[in-house]
Amino acid sequence: MWNSFASTIRDVAKETLGVAVGTSRGHKSRRESWWISDEVQTKVALKTRAEERYKEAKREAKKAVAHAKDKAYEVLYRKLDSKEGANDIYRIAKARDRRRRNIDNIKFIKDETGQTIVKEDEIRKRWEGYF
């Protein structure tokens, strides 16, 4: 009974609304439906071309960024291999370590007198006073 009811509803919907040929995504040919005019199809085609141009520009920008990064890292690695760049290795490692730290997970801190504070509410009060 359910199948016949669903079939009847589908048939009435097809007669009333019409049928679109193809799918909305990935179908390159023009869709046929009672409400799509030539103007709508033209606008959709322009939009599709604009999206393709955007994707191509985005691809080219990614390539340019990757190329620039490669050059910069190549210069950096050559510099680090030299005698003068030996100290820079430690500076870079220290900076990376600082970036990796999460301020939310502080277990202890020192107060104005240099005493270590370990209680969470006291740490919060110290930060409030600091800022």
N, C-alpha and C. Protein backbone atom coordinates (compact mmCIF):
# COMPACT_ATOMS: atom_id res chain seq x y z
N MET A 1 0.83 -1.18 0.00
CA MET A 1 0.00 0.00 0.00
C MET A 1 0.89 1.27 0.00
N TRP A 2 1.96 1.22 0.81
CA TRP A 2 2.86 2.37 0.87
C TRP A 2 3.52 2.62 -0.47
N ASN A 3 3.98 1.57 -1.14
CA ASN A 3 4.63 1.71 -2.44
C ASN A 3 3.70 2.32 -3.48
N SER A 4 2.45 1.89 -3.49
CA SER A 4 1.52 2.47 -4.47
C SER A 4 1.23 3.94 -4.16
N PHE A 5 1.13 4.28 -2.88
CA PHE A 5 0.93 5.67 -2.49
C PHE A 5 2.11 6.54 -2.91
N ALA A 6 3.35 6.06 -2.64
CA ALA A 6 4.56 6.80 -3.02
C ALA A 6 4.65 6.94 -4.53
N SER A 7 4.31 5.90 -5.26
CA SER A 7 4.35 5.93 -6.72
C SER A 7 3.37 6.96 -7.27
N THR A 8 2.16 7.02 -6.69
CA THR A 8 1.15 7.99 -7.12
C THR A 8 1.64 9.42 -6.87
N ILE A 9 2.23 9.65 -5.72
CA ILE A 9 2.74 10.99 -5.40
C ILE A 9 3.82 11.38 -6.39
N ARG A 10 4.76 10.46 -6.70
CA ARG A 10 5.82 10.76 -7.66
C ARG A 10 5.25 11.08 -9.04
N ASP A 11 4.26 10.32 -9.48
CA ASP A 11 3.67 10.54 -10.80
C ASP A 11 3.00 11.91 -10.88
N VAL A 12 2.24 12.27 -9.86
CA VAL A 12 1.57 13.57 -9.84
C VAL A 12 2.60 14.70 -9.81
N ALA A 13 3.69 14.52 -9.03
CA ALA A 13 4.72 15.55 -8.96
C ALA A 13 5.39 15.72 -10.32
N LYS A 14 5.66 14.62 -11.03
CA LYS A 14 6.28 14.71 -12.36
C LYS A 14 5.38 15.44 -13.34
N GLU A 15 4.08 15.15 -13.30
CA GLU A 15 3.14 15.80 -14.21
C GLU A 15 3.02 17.29 -13.90
N THR A 16 3.02 17.63 -12.62
CA THR A 16 2.83 19.01 -12.21
C THR A 16 4.09 19.86 -12.37
N LEU A 17 5.21 19.36 -11.89
CA LEU A 17 6.44 20.15 -11.84
C LEU A 17 7.37 19.93 -13.02
N GLY A 18 7.26 18.83 -13.69
CA GLY A 18 8.19 18.51 -14.76
C GLY A 18 9.39 17.75 -14.22
N VAL A 19 10.30 17.40 -15.11
CA VAL A 19 11.45 16.59 -14.74
C VAL A 19 12.72 17.29 -15.22
N ALA A 20 13.70 17.40 -14.35
CA ALA A 20 15.01 17.95 -14.73
C ALA A 20 15.86 16.79 -15.24
N VAL A 21 16.56 17.01 -16.34
CA VAL A 21 17.40 15.98 -16.90
C VAL A 21 18.79 16.14 -16.32
N GLY A 22 19.37 15.08 -15.79
CA GLY A 22 20.72 15.13 -15.23
C GLY A 22 20.68 15.50 -13.77
N THR A 23 21.86 15.75 -13.22
CA THR A 23 21.97 16.12 -11.82
C THR A 23 22.45 17.56 -11.72
N SER A 24 22.27 18.13 -10.56
CA SER A 24 22.68 19.52 -10.38
C SER A 24 24.19 19.66 -10.29
N ARG A 25 24.91 18.65 -9.83
CA ARG A 25 26.36 18.73 -9.70
C ARG A 25 27.02 17.83 -10.74
N GLY A 26 28.00 18.36 -11.39
CA GLY A 26 28.80 17.55 -12.28
C GLY A 26 28.21 17.30 -13.65
N HIS A 27 27.02 17.80 -13.92
CA HIS A 27 26.41 17.56 -15.22
C HIS A 27 26.73 18.76 -16.11
N LYS A 28 27.52 18.54 -17.16
CA LYS A 28 28.04 19.64 -17.96
C LYS A 28 27.05 20.16 -19.00
N SER A 29 26.15 19.34 -19.47
CA SER A 29 25.23 19.82 -20.50
C SER A 29 24.11 20.65 -19.87
N ARG A 30 23.35 21.31 -20.68
CA ARG A 30 22.29 22.19 -20.19
C ARG A 30 21.17 21.36 -19.58
N ARG A 31 20.68 21.83 -18.46
CA ARG A 31 19.57 21.14 -17.80
C ARG A 31 18.27 21.60 -18.43
N GLU A 32 17.35 20.68 -18.51
CA GLU A 32 16.05 21.03 -19.08
C GLU A 32 15.01 20.99 -17.96
N SER A 33 14.33 22.08 -17.78
CA SER A 33 13.26 22.16 -16.82
C SER A 33 12.35 23.29 -17.26
N TRP A 34 11.16 23.33 -16.77
CA TRP A 34 10.18 24.29 -17.23
C TRP A 34 10.52 25.71 -16.79
N TRP A 35 11.34 25.91 -15.76
CA TRP A 35 11.61 27.25 -15.26
C TRP A 35 12.97 27.81 -15.67
N ILE A 36 13.83 27.00 -16.25
CA ILE A 36 15.17 27.47 -16.63
C ILE A 36 15.10 28.14 -17.99
N SER A 37 15.43 29.43 -18.00
CA SER A 37 15.43 30.18 -19.25
C SER A 37 16.85 30.28 -19.79
N ASP A 38 17.00 30.86 -20.98
CA ASP A 38 18.33 31.05 -21.56
C ASP A 38 19.16 32.00 -20.71
N GLU A 39 18.51 33.01 -20.14
CA GLU A 39 19.22 33.97 -19.29
C GLU A 39 19.80 33.27 -18.06
N VAL A 40 19.02 32.39 -17.44
CA VAL A 40 19.48 31.66 -16.25
C VAL A 40 20.65 30.76 -16.63
N GLN A 41 20.54 30.08 -17.76
CA GLN A 41 21.61 29.18 -18.19
C GLN A 41 22.89 29.96 -18.48
N THR A 42 22.76 31.16 -19.05
CA THR A 42 23.92 32.00 -19.33
C THR A 42 24.60 32.42 -18.04
N LYS A 43 23.80 32.85 -17.05
CA LYS A 43 24.36 33.28 -15.76
C LYS A 43 25.06 32.12 -15.05
N VAL A 44 24.46 30.95 -15.10
CA VAL A 44 25.07 29.78 -14.47
C VAL A 44 26.38 29.42 -15.16
N ALA A 45 26.42 29.52 -16.49
CA ALA A 45 27.65 29.23 -17.22
C ALA A 45 28.74 30.24 -16.87
N LEU A 46 28.38 31.53 -16.74
CA LEU A 46 29.35 32.55 -16.34
C LEU A 46 29.90 32.27 -14.94
N LYS A 47 29.00 31.87 -14.05
CA LYS A 47 29.41 31.56 -12.68
C LYS A 47 30.38 30.38 -12.68
N THR A 48 30.09 29.38 -13.47
CA THR A 48 30.96 28.20 -13.54
C THR A 48 32.34 28.58 -14.05
N ARG A 49 32.39 29.42 -15.08
CA ARG A 49 33.69 29.85 -15.60
C ARG A 49 34.44 30.68 -14.58
N ALA A 50 33.72 31.54 -13.83
CA ALA A 50 34.37 32.35 -12.79
C ALA A 50 34.95 31.45 -11.70
N GLU A 51 34.23 30.39 -11.32
CA GLU A 51 34.73 29.45 -10.32
C GLU A 51 35.99 28.75 -10.83
N GLU A 52 35.99 28.39 -12.11
CA GLU A 52 37.16 27.72 -12.68
C GLU A 52 38.36 28.66 -12.70
N ARG A 53 38.13 29.94 -13.05
CA ARG A 53 39.23 30.92 -13.04
C ARG A 53 39.76 31.10 -11.62
N TYR A 54 38.84 31.15 -10.64
CA TYR A 54 39.25 31.30 -9.24
C TYR A 54 40.10 30.11 -8.80
N LYS A 55 39.65 28.91 -9.13
CA LYS A 55 40.39 27.71 -8.74
C LYS A 55 41.78 27.70 -9.38
N GLU A 56 41.87 28.12 -10.64
CA GLU A 56 43.17 28.16 -11.32
C GLU A 56 44.08 29.20 -10.67
N ALA A 57 43.52 30.37 -10.35
CA ALA A 57 44.32 31.41 -9.68
C ALA A 57 44.78 30.94 -8.31
N LYS A 58 43.91 30.25 -7.59
CA LYS A 58 44.25 29.71 -6.28
C LYS A 58 45.38 28.69 -6.40
N ARG A 59 45.31 27.83 -7.41
CA ARG A 59 46.34 26.83 -7.66
C ARG A 59 47.69 27.50 -7.94
N GLU A 60 47.66 28.53 -8.78
CA GLU A 60 48.88 29.25 -9.13
C GLU A 60 49.47 29.95 -7.89
N ALA A 61 48.61 30.52 -7.05
CA ALA A 61 49.09 31.19 -5.84
C ALA A 61 49.75 30.18 -4.90
N LYS A 62 49.16 29.01 -4.77
CA LYS A 62 49.75 27.98 -3.92
C LYS A 62 51.13 27.57 -4.43
N LYS A 63 51.24 27.44 -5.76
CA LYS A 63 52.53 27.08 -6.34
C LYS A 63 53.57 28.17 -6.06
N ALA A 64 53.18 29.44 -6.20
CA ALA A 64 54.10 30.55 -5.96
C ALA A 64 54.56 30.57 -4.51
N VAL A 65 53.63 30.35 -3.58
CA VAL A 65 53.97 30.34 -2.16
C VAL A 65 54.93 29.19 -1.86
N ALA A 66 54.65 28.01 -2.41
CA ALA A 66 55.52 26.85 -2.19
C ALA A 66 56.91 27.10 -2.74
N HIS A 67 56.98 27.71 -3.92
CA HIS A 67 58.28 28.00 -4.54
C HIS A 67 59.07 29.01 -3.68
N ALA A 68 58.40 30.06 -3.20
CA ALA A 68 59.06 31.06 -2.37
C ALA A 68 59.54 30.45 -1.06
N LYS A 69 58.72 29.58 -0.46
CA LYS A 69 59.11 28.91 0.78
C LYS A 69 60.33 28.04 0.56
N ASP A 70 60.33 27.30 -0.56
CA ASP A 70 61.47 26.44 -0.87
C ASP A 70 62.75 27.25 -0.97
N LYS A 71 62.69 28.38 -1.67
CA LYS A 71 63.87 29.24 -1.82
C LYS A 71 64.33 29.75 -0.46
N ALA A 72 63.38 30.23 0.36
CA ALA A 72 63.73 30.79 1.66
C ALA A 72 64.36 29.73 2.56
N TYR A 73 63.79 28.54 2.57
CA TYR A 73 64.35 27.48 3.40
C TYR A 73 65.71 27.03 2.88
N GLU A 74 65.89 27.04 1.58
CA GLU A 74 67.18 26.66 1.01
C GLU A 74 68.26 27.63 1.47
N VAL A 75 67.96 28.94 1.43
CA VAL A 75 68.90 29.95 1.91
C VAL A 75 69.16 29.76 3.40
N LEU A 76 68.09 29.52 4.17
CA LEU A 76 68.23 29.34 5.61
C LEU A 76 69.11 28.13 5.93
N TYR A 77 68.88 27.01 5.25
CA TYR A 77 69.66 25.80 5.52
C TYR A 77 71.13 26.00 5.13
N ARG A 78 71.38 26.71 4.03
CA ARG A 78 72.77 27.01 3.65
C ARG A 78 73.44 27.86 4.73
N LYS A 79 72.68 28.83 5.26
CA LYS A 79 73.21 29.70 6.30
C LYS A 79 73.48 28.91 7.58
N LEU A 80 72.57 27.99 7.94
CA LEU A 80 72.74 27.21 9.16
C LEU A 80 73.92 26.24 9.05
N ASP A 81 74.27 25.82 7.86
CA ASP A 81 75.42 24.93 7.67
C ASP A 81 76.74 25.65 7.86
N SER A 82 76.73 26.96 7.80
CA SER A 82 77.97 27.72 7.96
C SER A 82 78.31 27.88 9.44
N LYS A 83 79.51 28.36 9.72
CA LYS A 83 79.96 28.54 11.10
C LYS A 83 79.16 29.64 11.81
N GLU A 84 78.81 30.71 11.06
CA GLU A 84 78.06 31.82 11.66
C GLU A 84 76.62 31.42 12.01
N GLY A 85 76.10 30.43 11.30
CA GLY A 85 74.70 30.04 11.52
C GLY A 85 74.50 29.05 12.64
N ALA A 86 75.59 28.62 13.29
CA ALA A 86 75.47 27.62 14.35
C ALA A 86 74.61 28.13 15.50
N ASN A 87 74.76 29.40 15.87
CA ASN A 87 73.97 29.96 16.97
C ASN A 87 72.51 30.14 16.57
N ASP A 88 72.27 30.34 15.29
CA ASP A 88 70.89 30.51 14.83
C ASP A 88 70.06 29.24 15.03
N ILE A 89 70.71 28.09 15.00
CA ILE A 89 69.99 26.83 15.21
C ILE A 89 69.33 26.85 16.58
N TYR A 90 70.07 27.28 17.58
CA TYR A 90 69.52 27.33 18.95
C TYR A 90 68.42 28.37 19.06
N ARG A 91 68.59 29.50 18.39
CA ARG A 91 67.56 30.55 18.41
C ARG A 91 66.26 30.05 17.79
N ILE A 92 66.36 29.34 16.67
CA ILE A 92 65.18 28.81 15.99
C ILE A 92 64.50 27.74 16.85
N ALA A 93 65.30 26.87 17.46
CA ALA A 93 64.74 25.82 18.32
C ALA A 93 64.01 26.42 19.51
N LYS A 94 64.59 27.46 20.09
CA LYS A 94 63.97 28.12 21.24
C LYS A 94 62.65 28.78 20.83
N ALA A 95 62.64 29.44 19.68
CA ALA A 95 61.41 30.10 19.21
C ALA A 95 60.32 29.07 18.92
N ARG A 96 60.69 27.95 18.31
CA ARG A 96 59.70 26.89 18.04
C ARG A 96 59.15 26.33 19.33
N ASP A 97 60.00 26.16 20.34
CA ASP A 97 59.55 25.65 21.62
C ASP A 97 58.56 26.61 22.27
N ARG A 98 58.87 27.92 22.21
CA ARG A 98 57.96 28.91 22.78
C ARG A 98 56.61 28.92 22.08
N ARG A 99 56.61 28.75 20.75
CA ARG A 99 55.34 28.73 20.01
C ARG A 99 54.51 27.52 20.37
N ARG A 100 55.18 26.42 20.70
CA ARG A 100 54.49 25.17 20.98
C ARG A 100 53.83 25.17 22.35
N ARG A 101 54.30 25.99 23.26
CA ARG A 101 53.77 26.01 24.62
C ARG A 101 52.36 26.57 24.65
N ASN A 102 51.56 26.02 25.55
CA ASN A 102 50.19 26.46 25.71
C ASN A 102 50.06 27.17 27.05
N ILE A 103 49.69 28.43 27.05
CA ILE A 103 49.61 29.22 28.28
C ILE A 103 48.49 28.71 29.19
N ASP A 104 47.47 28.07 28.64
CA ASP A 104 46.35 27.58 29.45
C ASP A 104 46.77 26.48 30.42
N ASN A 105 47.85 25.79 30.15
CA ASN A 105 48.25 24.64 30.95
C ASN A 105 49.44 24.95 31.86
N ILE A 106 49.46 26.11 32.47
CA ILE A 106 50.55 26.48 33.37
C ILE A 106 50.33 25.78 34.71
N LYS A 107 51.37 25.06 35.17
CA LYS A 107 51.25 24.32 36.43
C LYS A 107 51.78 25.12 37.61
N PHE A 108 52.75 26.02 37.36
CA PHE A 108 53.28 26.85 38.44
C PHE A 108 53.78 28.15 37.85
N ILE A 109 53.90 29.15 38.73
CA ILE A 109 54.34 30.49 38.35
C ILE A 109 54.95 31.14 39.59
N LYS A 110 55.75 32.15 39.38
CA LYS A 110 56.37 32.82 40.53
C LYS A 110 55.68 34.16 40.79
N ASP A 111 55.59 34.53 42.06
CA ASP A 111 54.98 35.81 42.41
C ASP A 111 56.03 36.92 42.40
N GLU A 112 55.66 38.10 42.92
CA GLU A 112 56.56 39.26 42.88
C GLU A 112 57.85 39.03 43.66
N THR A 113 57.77 38.23 44.70
CA THR A 113 58.94 37.99 45.55
C THR A 113 59.79 36.82 45.07
N GLY A 114 59.33 36.11 44.04
CA GLY A 114 60.08 34.98 43.51
C GLY A 114 59.62 33.64 44.06
N GLN A 115 58.59 33.64 44.90
CA GLN A 115 58.06 32.40 45.45
C GLN A 115 57.22 31.68 44.40
N THR A 116 57.28 30.36 44.39
CA THR A 116 56.54 29.56 43.41
C THR A 116 55.11 29.38 43.88
N ILE A 117 54.18 29.64 42.96
CA ILE A 117 52.75 29.47 43.23
C ILE A 117 52.29 28.26 42.43
N VAL A 118 51.58 27.33 43.08
CA VAL A 118 51.12 26.13 42.37
C VAL A 118 49.60 25.99 42.37
N LYS A 119 48.91 26.71 43.23
CA LYS A 119 47.46 26.60 43.29
C LYS A 119 46.84 27.39 42.14
N GLU A 120 45.83 26.76 41.50
CA GLU A 120 45.24 27.34 40.29
C GLU A 120 44.62 28.71 40.53
N ASP A 121 43.89 28.88 41.64
CA ASP A 121 43.26 30.18 41.89
C ASP A 121 44.29 31.27 42.19
N GLU A 122 45.40 30.91 42.85
CA GLU A 122 46.45 31.89 43.11
C GLU A 122 47.17 32.27 41.82
N ILE A 123 47.37 31.28 40.93
CA ILE A 123 47.99 31.56 39.63
C ILE A 123 47.12 32.53 38.85
N ARG A 124 45.81 32.30 38.86
CA ARG A 124 44.88 33.17 38.15
C ARG A 124 44.93 34.59 38.70
N LYS A 125 44.97 34.71 40.03
CA LYS A 125 45.06 36.04 40.66
C LYS A 125 46.36 36.74 40.28
N ARG A 126 47.47 35.98 40.21
CA ARG A 126 48.76 36.56 39.81
C ARG A 126 48.69 37.08 38.39
N TRP A 127 48.08 36.31 37.49
CA TRP A 127 47.94 36.76 36.10
C TRP A 127 47.06 38.00 36.03
N GLU A 128 45.98 38.03 36.81
CA GLU A 128 45.11 39.22 36.82
C GLU A 128 45.89 40.44 37.29
N GLY A 129 46.71 40.28 38.34
CA GLY A 129 47.51 41.39 38.82
C GLY A 129 48.56 41.82 37.81
N TYR A 130 49.09 40.86 37.11
CA TYR A 130 50.13 41.15 36.12
C TYR A 130 49.57 41.97 34.97
N PHE A 131 48.38 41.58 34.49
CA PHE A 131 47.80 42.28 33.35
C PHE A 131 47.00 43.48 33.77
